[in-house]
Amino acid sequence: MALSAHLEQLNNKHAQLDTQIEKELKHPAPDTILVTELKKQKLQLKQKIAEMRPG
């Protein structure tokens, strides 16, 4: 897989996690454990994206 395609895939996953977090936080009683896990995954993806970006 080309680097740009892989970065795009990671960015899409990052955006999906962001959407999931926002959706969960809109619930009257959000699952804080789930939100924490999603935020961890999002941060890991962000770090991986930053490592892969050239320059």
N, C-alpha and C. Protein backbone atom coordinates (compact mmCIF):
# COMPACT_ATOMS: atom_id res chain seq x y z
N MET A 1 0.85 -1.18 0.00
CA MET A 1 0.00 0.00 0.00
C MET A 1 0.89 1.24 0.00
N ALA A 2 0.54 2.18 -0.83
CA ALA A 2 1.31 3.42 -0.90
C ALA A 2 1.17 4.19 0.40
N LEU A 3 2.21 4.95 0.71
CA LEU A 3 2.23 5.71 1.96
C LEU A 3 1.04 6.68 2.03
N SER A 4 0.76 7.38 0.95
CA SER A 4 -0.34 8.36 0.97
C SER A 4 -1.68 7.67 1.19
N ALA A 5 -1.87 6.51 0.61
CA ALA A 5 -3.12 5.77 0.80
C ALA A 5 -3.24 5.30 2.24
N HIS A 6 -2.13 4.87 2.81
CA HIS A 6 -2.14 4.41 4.20
C HIS A 6 -2.43 5.57 5.14
N LEU A 7 -1.82 6.73 4.88
CA LEU A 7 -2.08 7.93 5.69
C LEU A 7 -3.55 8.34 5.60
N GLU A 8 -4.10 8.25 4.40
CA GLU A 8 -5.52 8.61 4.22
C GLU A 8 -6.41 7.65 5.02
N GLN A 9 -6.06 6.38 4.99
CA GLN A 9 -6.83 5.38 5.74
C GLN A 9 -6.75 5.67 7.25
N LEU A 10 -5.58 6.01 7.75
CA LEU A 10 -5.42 6.34 9.16
C LEU A 10 -6.19 7.62 9.52
N ASN A 11 -6.15 8.61 8.64
CA ASN A 11 -6.90 9.84 8.88
C ASN A 11 -8.41 9.58 8.91
N ASN A 12 -8.88 8.69 8.04
CA ASN A 12 -10.30 8.34 8.04
C ASN A 12 -10.69 7.65 9.35
N LYS A 13 -9.86 6.76 9.81
CA LYS A 13 -10.12 6.06 11.07
C LYS A 13 -10.12 7.06 12.24
N HIS A 14 -9.20 8.02 12.19
CA HIS A 14 -9.11 9.06 13.21
C HIS A 14 -10.42 9.86 13.25
N ALA A 15 -10.94 10.21 12.07
CA ALA A 15 -12.19 10.96 11.98
C ALA A 15 -13.37 10.12 12.48
N GLN A 16 -13.36 8.83 12.20
CA GLN A 16 -14.43 7.94 12.68
C GLN A 16 -14.43 7.87 14.20
N LEU A 17 -13.25 7.78 14.78
CA LEU A 17 -13.16 7.75 16.23
C LEU A 17 -13.68 9.05 16.84
N ASP A 18 -13.35 10.16 16.20
CA ASP A 18 -13.83 11.45 16.68
C ASP A 18 -15.36 11.49 16.66
N THR A 19 -15.95 10.98 15.60
CA THR A 19 -17.41 10.93 15.48
C THR A 19 -18.01 10.04 16.56
N GLN A 20 -17.39 8.89 16.80
CA GLN A 20 -17.88 7.97 17.84
C GLN A 20 -17.83 8.63 19.22
N ILE A 21 -16.75 9.35 19.49
CA ILE A 21 -16.59 10.04 20.78
C ILE A 21 -17.69 11.08 20.94
N GLU A 22 -17.88 11.90 19.91
CA GLU A 22 -18.92 12.94 19.97
C GLU A 22 -20.30 12.33 20.18
N LYS A 23 -20.58 11.25 19.47
CA LYS A 23 -21.88 10.58 19.58
C LYS A 23 -22.09 10.06 21.00
N GLU A 24 -21.07 9.45 21.56
CA GLU A 24 -21.19 8.89 22.91
C GLU A 24 -21.37 10.01 23.94
N LEU A 25 -20.67 11.11 23.77
CA LEU A 25 -20.77 12.21 24.73
C LEU A 25 -22.13 12.91 24.69
N LYS A 26 -22.89 12.73 23.62
CA LYS A 26 -24.22 13.32 23.52
C LYS A 26 -25.27 12.53 24.30
N HIS A 27 -24.95 11.32 24.69
CA HIS A 27 -25.89 10.52 25.48
C HIS A 27 -26.08 11.16 26.85
N PRO A 28 -27.27 10.97 27.42
CA PRO A 28 -27.51 11.51 28.77
C PRO A 28 -26.52 10.99 29.81
N ALA A 29 -26.14 9.74 29.68
CA ALA A 29 -25.17 9.14 30.60
C ALA A 29 -24.10 8.43 29.76
N PRO A 30 -23.12 9.19 29.25
CA PRO A 30 -22.11 8.57 28.38
C PRO A 30 -21.27 7.53 29.12
N ASP A 31 -20.85 6.53 28.39
CA ASP A 31 -19.98 5.48 28.92
C ASP A 31 -18.56 6.05 28.96
N THR A 32 -18.14 6.49 30.14
CA THR A 32 -16.84 7.15 30.26
C THR A 32 -15.67 6.21 29.97
N ILE A 33 -15.86 4.94 30.27
CA ILE A 33 -14.78 3.98 29.97
C ILE A 33 -14.62 3.84 28.46
N LEU A 34 -15.73 3.77 27.75
CA LEU A 34 -15.68 3.68 26.29
C LEU A 34 -15.06 4.95 25.70
N VAL A 35 -15.47 6.11 26.20
CA VAL A 35 -14.94 7.37 25.71
C VAL A 35 -13.43 7.43 25.93
N THR A 36 -12.97 6.99 27.09
CA THR A 36 -11.54 6.98 27.39
C THR A 36 -10.79 6.07 26.43
N GLU A 37 -11.34 4.90 26.16
CA GLU A 37 -10.70 3.95 25.23
C GLU A 37 -10.64 4.54 23.83
N LEU A 38 -11.73 5.14 23.39
CA LEU A 38 -11.76 5.75 22.06
C LEU A 38 -10.74 6.88 21.95
N LYS A 39 -10.63 7.67 23.00
CA LYS A 39 -9.65 8.77 23.00
C LYS A 39 -8.23 8.24 22.95
N LYS A 40 -7.97 7.14 23.64
CA LYS A 40 -6.63 6.52 23.59
C LYS A 40 -6.32 6.05 22.18
N GLN A 41 -7.30 5.40 21.55
CA GLN A 41 -7.10 4.92 20.18
C GLN A 41 -6.85 6.09 19.23
N LYS A 42 -7.61 7.16 19.43
CA LYS A 42 -7.47 8.34 18.59
C LYS A 42 -6.07 8.95 18.74
N LEU A 43 -5.59 9.03 19.97
CA LEU A 43 -4.25 9.57 20.23
C LEU A 43 -3.17 8.69 19.59
N GLN A 44 -3.33 7.38 19.72
CA GLN A 44 -2.36 6.47 19.12
C GLN A 44 -2.31 6.65 17.61
N LEU A 45 -3.48 6.80 16.99
CA LEU A 45 -3.52 7.02 15.54
C LEU A 45 -2.87 8.34 15.18
N LYS A 46 -3.13 9.37 15.96
CA LYS A 46 -2.53 10.68 15.70
C LYS A 46 -1.02 10.60 15.75
N GLN A 47 -0.49 9.88 16.74
CA GLN A 47 0.95 9.71 16.86
C GLN A 47 1.52 8.93 15.68
N LYS A 48 0.81 7.90 15.27
CA LYS A 48 1.27 7.09 14.14
C LYS A 48 1.28 7.92 12.86
N ILE A 49 0.25 8.74 12.68
CA ILE A 49 0.17 9.60 11.50
C ILE A 49 1.34 10.58 11.50
N ALA A 50 1.60 11.18 12.66
CA ALA A 50 2.70 12.16 12.77
C ALA A 50 4.05 11.49 12.45
N GLU A 51 4.25 10.27 12.88
CA GLU A 51 5.51 9.55 12.61
C GLU A 51 5.68 9.25 11.12
N MET A 52 4.57 9.01 10.44
CA MET A 52 4.64 8.60 9.05
C MET A 52 4.75 9.77 8.08
N ARG A 53 4.34 10.94 8.52
CA ARG A 53 4.38 12.11 7.63
C ARG A 53 5.82 12.49 7.33
N PRO A 54 6.09 12.73 6.08
CA PRO A 54 7.47 13.14 5.72
C PRO A 54 7.76 14.56 6.16
N GLY A 55 9.02 14.81 6.43
CA GLY A 55 9.46 16.16 6.72
C GLY A 55 9.56 16.43 8.13
